């Protein structure tokens, strides 16, 4: 399987020390199978610096799933919302090597604030957070898993 990561520079060897906290699936290295999605991740870099970069990786997904702990959200669900809520609050533990699932849309902060304060129910929060475009994110949460399974194969300047 081919995975893409959009950023400012080429990332041949991802290092979790440089990952941000409080993101959809918590601290991790985020990739996608959708190249156009990785291109959109470079948007803020293109705006600020005039370019972005897509790093390209290959994984043996069957081997990874067989030998790693994987959490996969196949749909936007209550479980997905609860996991994202914990991660956004900084409460996520690295219980999994890889988390796979949909992206929360750009209105995360406002929606989660309404949800935390009890102004909207879970179903409404999920509806508001559902990303309209096809998307998927693979969040590698374990450095050993990254080094074992994520093989850098090339890059593209955007």
N, C-alpha and C. Protein backbone atom coordinates (compact mmCIF):
# COMPACT_ATOMS: atom_id res chain seq x y z
N UNK A 1 0.84 -1.17 0.00
CA UNK A 1 0.00 0.00 0.00
C UNK A 1 0.89 1.24 0.00
N UNK A 2 0.47 2.26 -0.74
CA UNK A 2 1.18 3.54 -0.81
C UNK A 2 0.50 4.53 0.13
N UNK A 3 1.32 5.24 0.90
CA UNK A 3 0.83 6.29 1.80
C UNK A 3 1.57 7.59 1.49
N UNK A 4 0.89 8.71 1.72
CA UNK A 4 1.43 10.04 1.44
C UNK A 4 1.38 10.89 2.70
N UNK A 5 2.37 11.78 2.82
CA UNK A 5 2.41 12.74 3.92
C UNK A 5 2.73 14.11 3.34
N UNK A 6 1.85 15.08 3.56
CA UNK A 6 2.08 16.44 3.07
C UNK A 6 2.67 17.32 4.15
N UNK A 7 3.76 18.02 3.80
CA UNK A 7 4.41 18.91 4.77
C UNK A 7 5.26 19.92 4.02
N UNK A 8 6.11 20.62 4.74
CA UNK A 8 6.99 21.61 4.12
C UNK A 8 8.20 20.93 3.47
N UNK A 9 8.81 20.02 4.18
CA UNK A 9 10.04 19.38 3.71
C UNK A 9 9.85 17.87 3.54
N UNK A 10 10.78 17.26 2.87
CA UNK A 10 10.80 15.80 2.73
C UNK A 10 11.04 15.19 4.11
N UNK A 11 10.31 14.12 4.40
CA UNK A 11 10.50 13.41 5.67
C UNK A 11 10.79 11.95 5.33
N UNK A 12 12.09 11.66 5.23
CA UNK A 12 12.50 10.29 4.91
C UNK A 12 12.36 9.37 6.12
N UNK A 13 12.67 9.91 7.31
CA UNK A 13 12.61 9.11 8.54
C UNK A 13 11.75 9.86 9.56
N UNK A 14 10.45 9.59 9.57
CA UNK A 14 9.57 10.27 10.52
C UNK A 14 9.99 10.01 11.97
N UNK A 15 9.91 11.06 12.77
CA UNK A 15 10.28 10.99 14.18
C UNK A 15 9.13 11.58 15.00
N UNK A 16 8.55 10.78 15.88
CA UNK A 16 7.40 11.22 16.66
C UNK A 16 7.72 12.39 17.59
N UNK A 17 8.99 12.64 17.86
CA UNK A 17 9.35 13.79 18.69
C UNK A 17 8.90 15.10 18.07
N UNK A 18 8.72 15.12 16.76
CA UNK A 18 8.33 16.34 16.06
C UNK A 18 6.82 16.41 15.81
N UNK A 19 6.07 15.45 16.32
CA UNK A 19 4.63 15.41 16.11
C UNK A 19 3.92 16.33 17.10
N UNK A 20 2.79 16.86 16.64
CA UNK A 20 1.99 17.74 17.50
C UNK A 20 1.05 16.94 18.39
N UNK A 21 0.76 17.46 19.56
CA UNK A 21 -0.24 16.88 20.45
C UNK A 21 -1.62 17.41 20.07
N UNK A 22 -2.63 16.84 20.67
CA UNK A 22 -4.01 17.34 20.59
C UNK A 22 -4.55 17.41 19.15
N UNK A 23 -4.20 16.43 18.34
CA UNK A 23 -4.75 16.33 16.99
C UNK A 23 -5.80 15.22 16.98
N UNK A 24 -6.41 14.95 15.82
CA UNK A 24 -7.53 14.00 15.75
C UNK A 24 -7.27 12.70 16.50
N UNK A 25 -6.15 12.05 16.20
CA UNK A 25 -5.84 10.78 16.83
C UNK A 25 -4.66 10.90 17.79
N UNK A 26 -4.39 12.12 18.22
CA UNK A 26 -3.31 12.36 19.16
C UNK A 26 -1.95 12.46 18.48
N UNK A 27 -0.94 12.47 19.29
CA UNK A 27 0.43 12.60 18.80
C UNK A 27 0.75 11.40 17.92
N UNK A 28 1.23 11.68 16.70
CA UNK A 28 1.55 10.62 15.78
C UNK A 28 2.02 11.17 14.45
N UNK A 29 2.39 10.28 13.56
CA UNK A 29 2.80 10.66 12.22
C UNK A 29 1.63 10.32 11.29
N UNK A 30 1.06 11.35 10.66
CA UNK A 30 -0.16 11.21 9.87
C UNK A 30 0.14 11.04 8.39
N UNK A 31 -0.49 10.04 7.81
CA UNK A 31 -0.38 9.77 6.38
C UNK A 31 -1.78 9.49 5.84
N UNK A 32 -1.86 9.37 4.52
CA UNK A 32 -3.13 9.05 3.86
C UNK A 32 -2.87 8.25 2.60
N UNK A 33 -3.88 7.52 2.18
CA UNK A 33 -3.80 6.80 0.90
C UNK A 33 -4.24 7.68 -0.25
N UNK A 34 -4.75 8.86 0.05
CA UNK A 34 -5.32 9.77 -0.97
C UNK A 34 -4.32 10.89 -1.25
N UNK A 35 -3.71 10.85 -2.41
CA UNK A 35 -2.67 11.82 -2.74
C UNK A 35 -3.19 13.26 -2.70
N UNK A 36 -4.40 13.50 -3.20
CA UNK A 36 -4.95 14.86 -3.20
C UNK A 36 -5.15 15.38 -1.78
N UNK A 37 -5.41 14.49 -0.85
CA UNK A 37 -5.54 14.89 0.56
C UNK A 37 -4.18 15.35 1.09
N UNK A 38 -3.12 14.61 0.76
CA UNK A 38 -1.77 15.01 1.18
C UNK A 38 -1.41 16.35 0.55
N UNK A 39 -1.81 16.57 -0.69
CA UNK A 39 -1.57 17.86 -1.34
C UNK A 39 -2.26 18.98 -0.57
N UNK A 40 -3.47 18.74 -0.11
CA UNK A 40 -4.18 19.78 0.64
C UNK A 40 -3.50 20.05 1.98
N UNK A 41 -2.85 19.03 2.57
CA UNK A 41 -2.12 19.24 3.82
C UNK A 41 -0.94 20.18 3.62
N UNK A 42 -0.46 20.32 2.41
CA UNK A 42 0.66 21.23 2.15
C UNK A 42 0.19 22.67 1.98
N UNK A 43 -1.11 22.90 1.97
CA UNK A 43 -1.67 24.22 1.69
C UNK A 43 -1.11 25.35 2.52
N UNK A 44 -1.02 25.16 3.82
CA UNK A 44 -0.52 26.25 4.68
C UNK A 44 0.95 26.54 4.40
N UNK A 45 1.71 25.51 4.02
CA UNK A 45 3.12 25.73 3.69
C UNK A 45 3.25 26.45 2.35
N UNK A 46 2.44 26.07 1.38
CA UNK A 46 2.47 26.74 0.08
C UNK A 46 2.10 28.21 0.24
N UNK A 47 1.13 28.47 1.10
CA UNK A 47 0.69 29.86 1.33
C UNK A 47 1.82 30.67 1.97
N UNK A 48 2.49 30.10 2.95
CA UNK A 48 3.53 30.82 3.70
C UNK A 48 4.88 30.84 2.98
N UNK A 49 5.28 29.70 2.39
CA UNK A 49 6.63 29.58 1.84
C UNK A 49 6.68 29.45 0.32
N UNK A 50 5.52 29.24 -0.31
CA UNK A 50 5.48 29.13 -1.76
C UNK A 50 5.64 27.71 -2.28
N UNK A 51 5.79 26.74 -1.38
CA UNK A 51 5.90 25.35 -1.82
C UNK A 51 5.51 24.41 -0.68
N UNK A 52 5.29 23.19 -1.03
CA UNK A 52 5.06 22.12 -0.07
C UNK A 52 5.66 20.85 -0.66
N UNK A 53 5.70 19.81 0.14
CA UNK A 53 6.32 18.55 -0.29
C UNK A 53 5.46 17.38 0.14
N UNK A 54 5.33 16.43 -0.75
CA UNK A 54 4.67 15.18 -0.40
C UNK A 54 5.75 14.10 -0.31
N UNK A 55 5.83 13.48 0.85
CA UNK A 55 6.71 12.33 1.03
C UNK A 55 5.87 11.09 0.78
N UNK A 56 6.47 10.10 0.10
CA UNK A 56 5.74 8.91 -0.31
C UNK A 56 6.36 7.69 0.38
N UNK A 57 5.48 6.83 0.88
CA UNK A 57 5.91 5.66 1.62
C UNK A 57 5.17 4.42 1.12
N UNK A 58 5.75 3.28 1.43
CA UNK A 58 5.11 2.01 1.14
C UNK A 58 5.06 1.21 2.43
N UNK A 59 3.95 0.51 2.63
CA UNK A 59 3.85 -0.37 3.80
C UNK A 59 3.30 -1.72 3.35
N UNK A 60 3.65 -2.74 4.09
CA UNK A 60 3.03 -4.05 3.93
C UNK A 60 1.89 -4.08 4.95
N UNK A 61 0.71 -3.70 4.50
CA UNK A 61 -0.42 -3.52 5.42
C UNK A 61 -0.81 -4.83 6.10
N UNK A 62 -0.79 -5.92 5.38
CA UNK A 62 -1.18 -7.20 5.99
C UNK A 62 -0.22 -7.59 7.12
N UNK A 63 1.07 -7.42 6.90
CA UNK A 63 2.05 -7.73 7.93
C UNK A 63 1.90 -6.78 9.12
N UNK A 64 1.70 -5.51 8.84
CA UNK A 64 1.53 -4.52 9.90
C UNK A 64 0.32 -4.87 10.76
N UNK A 65 -0.82 -5.16 10.11
CA UNK A 65 -2.04 -5.50 10.86
C UNK A 65 -1.86 -6.79 11.67
N UNK A 66 -1.11 -7.72 11.14
CA UNK A 66 -0.90 -9.01 11.80
C UNK A 66 -0.02 -8.87 13.04
N UNK A 67 0.94 -7.95 13.01
CA UNK A 67 1.94 -7.86 14.07
C UNK A 67 1.89 -6.58 14.89
N UNK A 68 0.85 -5.79 14.72
CA UNK A 68 0.74 -4.52 15.44
C UNK A 68 -0.66 -4.35 16.00
N UNK A 69 -0.80 -3.41 16.91
CA UNK A 69 -2.13 -3.09 17.42
C UNK A 69 -2.69 -1.95 16.57
N UNK A 70 -3.82 -2.22 15.94
CA UNK A 70 -4.43 -1.27 15.02
C UNK A 70 -5.86 -0.99 15.47
N UNK A 71 -6.20 0.29 15.55
CA UNK A 71 -7.56 0.71 15.81
C UNK A 71 -8.07 1.35 14.53
N UNK A 72 -9.19 0.84 14.01
CA UNK A 72 -9.73 1.38 12.76
C UNK A 72 -11.18 1.79 12.94
N UNK A 73 -11.46 3.02 12.56
CA UNK A 73 -12.83 3.53 12.55
C UNK A 73 -13.31 3.50 11.11
N UNK A 74 -14.25 2.61 10.82
CA UNK A 74 -14.72 2.47 9.45
C UNK A 74 -15.75 3.53 9.08
N UNK A 75 -16.36 4.15 10.08
CA UNK A 75 -17.35 5.21 9.84
C UNK A 75 -17.18 6.28 10.92
N UNK A 76 -17.82 7.41 10.69
CA UNK A 76 -17.94 8.43 11.73
C UNK A 76 -18.96 7.89 12.72
N UNK A 77 -18.52 7.60 13.92
CA UNK A 77 -19.37 6.94 14.92
C UNK A 77 -19.17 7.59 16.28
N UNK A 78 -19.96 7.13 17.24
CA UNK A 78 -19.80 7.61 18.61
C UNK A 78 -18.40 7.25 19.13
N UNK A 79 -17.92 6.05 18.80
CA UNK A 79 -16.59 5.64 19.25
C UNK A 79 -15.52 6.56 18.64
N UNK A 80 -15.66 6.89 17.36
CA UNK A 80 -14.74 7.82 16.68
C UNK A 80 -14.75 9.17 17.40
N UNK A 81 -15.96 9.70 17.67
CA UNK A 81 -16.09 10.99 18.35
C UNK A 81 -15.44 10.95 19.73
N UNK A 82 -15.68 9.91 20.48
CA UNK A 82 -15.11 9.82 21.82
C UNK A 82 -13.58 9.73 21.78
N UNK A 83 -13.05 9.01 20.79
CA UNK A 83 -11.59 8.91 20.67
C UNK A 83 -10.98 10.26 20.30
N UNK A 84 -11.59 10.93 19.31
CA UNK A 84 -11.10 12.25 18.90
C UNK A 84 -11.22 13.24 20.05
N UNK A 85 -12.31 13.18 20.78
CA UNK A 85 -12.50 14.07 21.92
C UNK A 85 -11.37 13.90 22.93
N UNK A 86 -11.05 12.66 23.29
CA UNK A 86 -9.95 12.41 24.23
C UNK A 86 -8.63 12.94 23.68
N UNK A 87 -8.38 12.66 22.40
CA UNK A 87 -7.11 13.09 21.81
C UNK A 87 -7.01 14.61 21.77
N UNK A 88 -8.08 15.28 21.40
CA UNK A 88 -8.07 16.74 21.35
C UNK A 88 -7.89 17.36 22.72
N UNK A 89 -8.30 16.64 23.76
CA UNK A 89 -8.11 17.12 25.14
C UNK A 89 -6.75 16.73 25.70
N UNK A 90 -5.96 16.01 24.91
CA UNK A 90 -4.64 15.58 25.36
C UNK A 90 -4.68 14.37 26.26
N UNK A 91 -5.79 13.63 26.25
CA UNK A 91 -5.95 12.47 27.13
C UNK A 91 -5.66 11.14 26.44
N UNK A 92 -5.21 11.18 25.20
CA UNK A 92 -5.00 9.92 24.49
C UNK A 92 -3.73 9.23 24.94
N UNK A 93 -3.84 7.94 25.11
CA UNK A 93 -2.66 7.14 25.43
C UNK A 93 -2.21 6.47 24.13
N UNK A 94 -0.99 6.05 24.09
CA UNK A 94 -0.50 5.35 22.90
C UNK A 94 -0.78 3.86 23.04
N UNK A 95 -2.07 3.52 23.12
CA UNK A 95 -2.47 2.13 23.26
C UNK A 95 -2.38 1.37 21.93
N UNK A 96 -2.25 2.08 20.84
CA UNK A 96 -2.23 1.47 19.52
C UNK A 96 -0.97 1.90 18.77
N UNK A 97 -0.53 1.02 17.87
CA UNK A 97 0.59 1.36 17.01
C UNK A 97 0.13 2.22 15.84
N UNK A 98 -1.11 2.00 15.41
CA UNK A 98 -1.67 2.70 14.25
C UNK A 98 -3.15 2.91 14.47
N UNK A 99 -3.62 4.13 14.18
CA UNK A 99 -5.05 4.43 14.22
C UNK A 99 -5.44 4.90 12.82
N UNK A 100 -6.52 4.31 12.30
CA UNK A 100 -7.00 4.61 10.95
C UNK A 100 -8.43 5.10 11.04
N UNK A 101 -8.74 6.16 10.32
CA UNK A 101 -10.12 6.62 10.30
C UNK A 101 -10.27 7.96 9.62
N UNK A 102 -11.49 8.45 9.63
CA UNK A 102 -11.82 9.71 8.98
C UNK A 102 -11.26 10.92 9.70
N UNK A 103 -11.14 11.97 8.93
CA UNK A 103 -10.66 13.25 9.43
C UNK A 103 -11.83 14.06 9.96
N UNK A 104 -11.62 14.74 11.07
CA UNK A 104 -12.61 15.71 11.54
C UNK A 104 -12.44 16.98 10.72
N UNK A 105 -13.56 17.61 10.38
CA UNK A 105 -13.46 18.80 9.53
C UNK A 105 -12.81 19.96 10.28
N UNK A 106 -12.68 21.08 9.60
CA UNK A 106 -11.94 22.22 10.16
C UNK A 106 -12.68 22.96 11.27
N UNK A 107 -13.92 22.56 11.58
CA UNK A 107 -14.70 23.21 12.62
C UNK A 107 -14.60 22.46 13.95
N UNK A 108 -13.52 21.72 14.14
CA UNK A 108 -13.36 20.87 15.32
C UNK A 108 -13.49 21.66 16.61
N UNK A 109 -12.77 22.75 16.73
CA UNK A 109 -12.74 23.49 18.00
C UNK A 109 -14.14 23.94 18.41
N UNK A 110 -14.87 24.58 17.49
CA UNK A 110 -16.20 25.09 17.82
C UNK A 110 -17.16 23.95 18.16
N UNK A 111 -17.13 22.89 17.37
CA UNK A 111 -18.05 21.77 17.60
C UNK A 111 -17.75 21.08 18.93
N UNK A 112 -16.48 20.82 19.22
CA UNK A 112 -16.15 20.16 20.48
C UNK A 112 -16.47 21.05 21.68
N UNK A 113 -16.32 22.35 21.54
CA UNK A 113 -16.69 23.25 22.63
C UNK A 113 -18.19 23.14 22.93
N UNK A 114 -19.00 23.14 21.89
CA UNK A 114 -20.45 22.98 22.08
C UNK A 114 -20.77 21.62 22.71
N UNK A 115 -20.10 20.60 22.25
CA UNK A 115 -20.32 19.24 22.78
C UNK A 115 -19.88 19.15 24.24
N UNK A 116 -18.69 19.63 24.58
CA UNK A 116 -18.19 19.57 25.95
C UNK A 116 -19.13 20.30 26.92
N UNK A 117 -19.69 21.39 26.46
CA UNK A 117 -20.56 22.20 27.32
C UNK A 117 -21.99 21.69 27.37
N UNK A 118 -22.27 20.63 26.61
CA UNK A 118 -23.61 20.02 26.65
C UNK A 118 -24.64 20.73 25.79
N UNK A 119 -24.22 21.60 24.88
CA UNK A 119 -25.16 22.32 24.02
C UNK A 119 -25.62 21.48 22.82
N UNK A 120 -24.83 20.48 22.45
CA UNK A 120 -25.23 19.57 21.38
C UNK A 120 -24.96 18.14 21.82
N UNK A 121 -25.73 17.21 21.26
CA UNK A 121 -25.60 15.79 21.58
C UNK A 121 -24.53 15.15 20.69
N UNK A 122 -24.18 13.90 21.00
CA UNK A 122 -23.15 13.18 20.24
C UNK A 122 -23.48 13.09 18.76
N UNK A 123 -24.72 12.75 18.42
CA UNK A 123 -25.10 12.60 17.01
C UNK A 123 -24.91 13.91 16.24
N UNK A 124 -25.25 15.02 16.86
CA UNK A 124 -25.09 16.32 16.20
C UNK A 124 -23.60 16.66 16.05
N UNK A 125 -22.80 16.35 17.06
CA UNK A 125 -21.36 16.60 16.98
C UNK A 125 -20.74 15.80 15.85
N UNK A 126 -21.11 14.52 15.74
CA UNK A 126 -20.58 13.68 14.65
C UNK A 126 -20.98 14.26 13.30
N UNK A 127 -22.23 14.66 13.17
CA UNK A 127 -22.72 15.25 11.92
C UNK A 127 -21.91 16.50 11.55
N UNK A 128 -21.64 17.34 12.53
CA UNK A 128 -20.90 18.58 12.26
C UNK A 128 -19.41 18.32 11.96
N UNK A 129 -18.86 17.26 12.53
CA UNK A 129 -17.43 16.98 12.35
C UNK A 129 -17.13 16.14 11.11
N UNK A 130 -18.15 15.53 10.54
CA UNK A 130 -17.95 14.67 9.36
C UNK A 130 -17.38 15.50 8.22
N UNK A 131 -16.30 15.03 7.67
CA UNK A 131 -15.62 15.70 6.56
C UNK A 131 -16.35 15.35 5.28
N UNK A 132 -16.66 16.33 4.45
CA UNK A 132 -17.49 16.11 3.26
C UNK A 132 -16.76 15.40 2.13
N UNK A 133 -15.49 15.65 1.98
CA UNK A 133 -14.74 15.03 0.88
C UNK A 133 -14.27 13.64 1.30
N UNK A 134 -14.08 12.73 0.35
CA UNK A 134 -13.50 11.42 0.71
C UNK A 134 -12.15 11.64 1.38
N UNK A 135 -11.91 10.92 2.47
CA UNK A 135 -10.67 11.11 3.21
C UNK A 135 -10.37 9.89 4.06
N UNK A 136 -9.15 9.78 4.46
CA UNK A 136 -8.72 8.74 5.40
C UNK A 136 -7.37 9.18 5.96
N UNK A 137 -7.14 8.90 7.23
CA UNK A 137 -5.84 9.19 7.80
C UNK A 137 -5.33 7.96 8.54
N UNK A 138 -4.04 7.73 8.37
CA UNK A 138 -3.33 6.66 9.06
C UNK A 138 -2.37 7.35 10.01
N UNK A 139 -2.62 7.21 11.31
CA UNK A 139 -1.79 7.86 12.31
C UNK A 139 -0.90 6.82 12.99
N UNK A 140 0.39 6.89 12.67
CA UNK A 140 1.37 5.99 13.29
C UNK A 140 1.76 6.59 14.63
N UNK A 141 1.51 5.83 15.71
CA UNK A 141 1.69 6.35 17.06
C UNK A 141 2.87 5.73 17.79
N UNK A 142 3.62 4.88 17.12
CA UNK A 142 4.70 4.15 17.76
C UNK A 142 5.94 4.23 16.87
N UNK A 143 7.04 4.72 17.42
CA UNK A 143 8.26 4.91 16.64
C UNK A 143 8.81 3.60 16.08
N UNK A 144 8.73 2.54 16.86
CA UNK A 144 9.22 1.24 16.39
C UNK A 144 8.41 0.77 15.19
N UNK A 145 7.11 0.97 15.23
CA UNK A 145 6.23 0.60 14.10
C UNK A 145 6.59 1.42 12.86
N UNK A 146 6.84 2.69 13.04
CA UNK A 146 7.24 3.55 11.91
C UNK A 146 8.51 3.00 11.28
N UNK A 147 9.50 2.74 12.10
CA UNK A 147 10.80 2.28 11.58
C UNK A 147 10.72 0.91 10.94
N UNK A 148 9.84 0.07 11.41
CA UNK A 148 9.72 -1.28 10.88
C UNK A 148 8.89 -1.34 9.60
N UNK A 149 7.83 -0.56 9.52
CA UNK A 149 6.86 -0.74 8.43
C UNK A 149 6.80 0.39 7.40
N UNK A 150 7.11 1.60 7.77
CA UNK A 150 6.95 2.74 6.86
C UNK A 150 8.24 2.94 6.07
N UNK A 151 8.21 2.56 4.82
CA UNK A 151 9.40 2.62 3.97
C UNK A 151 9.30 3.82 3.01
N UNK A 152 10.19 4.77 3.17
CA UNK A 152 10.23 5.96 2.30
C UNK A 152 10.61 5.52 0.88
N UNK A 153 9.83 5.99 -0.13
CA UNK A 153 10.13 5.62 -1.53
C UNK A 153 10.35 6.81 -2.45
N UNK A 154 10.03 8.03 -1.98
CA UNK A 154 10.23 9.18 -2.84
C UNK A 154 9.47 10.40 -2.38
N UNK A 155 9.49 11.44 -3.21
CA UNK A 155 8.83 12.70 -2.85
C UNK A 155 8.39 13.44 -4.10
N UNK A 156 7.50 14.40 -3.91
CA UNK A 156 7.06 15.31 -4.96
C UNK A 156 6.97 16.70 -4.38
N UNK A 157 7.48 17.68 -5.12
CA UNK A 157 7.30 19.08 -4.72
C UNK A 157 5.94 19.54 -5.23
N UNK A 158 5.27 20.30 -4.41
CA UNK A 158 3.96 20.82 -4.77
C UNK A 158 4.03 22.33 -4.87
